[in-house]
Amino acid sequence: MDLTGIRLVADDLDWSRGTGSPVHGTARELLLVLFGRRLPAGRLHGGTEGSRVPPTLVA
């Protein structure tokens, strides 16, 4: 899975990875994304008003 331009930000830990548009979720959910899993819609959310989670991250 290509995460270019996406910054993963954990809501439950002081952790982030990458640069670009922020995508927020729990550390567990973001770990699944890092290993190529797609999550059900609604599990991740964009960081800034009006931003969306890239469709490649959701099932």
Protein backbone atom coordinates (compact mmCIF):
# COMPACT_ATOMS: atom_id res chain seq x y z
CA MET A 1 0.00 0.00 0.00
CA ASP A 2 1.37 3.38 -0.99
CA LEU A 3 1.32 5.83 1.93
CA THR A 4 3.06 8.64 0.05
CA GLY A 5 1.66 12.01 1.14
CA ILE A 6 -0.07 10.59 4.21
CA ARG A 7 0.87 11.21 7.83
CA LEU A 8 -0.48 8.59 10.23
CA VAL A 9 -1.23 10.04 13.68
CA ALA A 10 -2.20 7.91 16.71
CA ASP A 11 -4.94 9.37 18.88
CA ASP A 12 -4.11 7.19 21.89
CA LEU A 13 -0.29 7.50 21.87
CA ASP A 14 2.26 10.20 21.18
CA TRP A 15 3.18 8.71 17.78
CA SER A 16 3.06 9.69 14.13
CA ARG A 17 4.74 8.58 10.92
CA GLY A 18 5.11 10.10 7.49
CA THR A 19 4.47 13.52 6.02
CA GLY A 20 1.47 14.98 4.28
CA SER A 21 -2.25 14.92 5.00
CA PRO A 22 -2.91 13.62 8.52
CA VAL A 23 -4.99 10.51 9.03
CA HIS A 24 -5.94 9.77 12.65
CA GLY A 25 -6.83 6.52 14.36
CA THR A 26 -5.80 4.33 17.27
CA ALA A 27 -2.26 2.95 17.29
CA ARG A 28 -3.68 -0.52 16.68
CA GLU A 29 -5.61 0.60 13.59
CA LEU A 30 -2.61 2.48 12.20
CA LEU A 31 -0.38 -0.55 12.71
CA LEU A 32 -2.80 -2.59 10.60
CA VAL A 33 -2.61 0.10 7.89
CA LEU A 34 1.21 0.00 7.97
CA PHE A 35 1.05 -3.75 7.33
CA GLY A 36 -1.23 -3.29 4.32
CA ARG A 37 -4.66 -3.91 5.84
CA ARG A 38 -7.65 -1.85 4.79
CA LEU A 39 -10.06 -0.86 7.55
CA PRO A 40 -13.84 -0.50 7.52
CA ALA A 41 -15.11 2.99 6.77
CA GLY A 42 -15.35 5.20 9.84
CA ARG A 43 -12.38 3.71 11.71
CA LEU A 44 -9.93 6.40 10.54
CA HIS A 45 -10.53 10.11 10.20
CA GLY A 46 -8.82 13.05 8.52
CA GLY A 47 -7.04 15.58 10.63
CA THR A 48 -8.07 18.92 9.22
CA GLU A 49 -11.54 20.19 8.54
CA GLY A 50 -12.65 19.11 5.12
CA SER A 51 -9.92 16.49 4.68
CA ARG A 52 -10.88 12.92 3.89
CA VAL A 53 -9.29 9.57 4.52
CA PRO A 54 -7.81 8.29 1.25
CA PRO A 55 -10.05 5.56 -0.21
CA THR A 56 -7.09 3.20 -0.49
CA LEU A 57 -7.05 2.89 3.33
CA VAL A 58 -10.67 1.78 3.76
CA ALA A 59 -12.47 -1.34 2.62
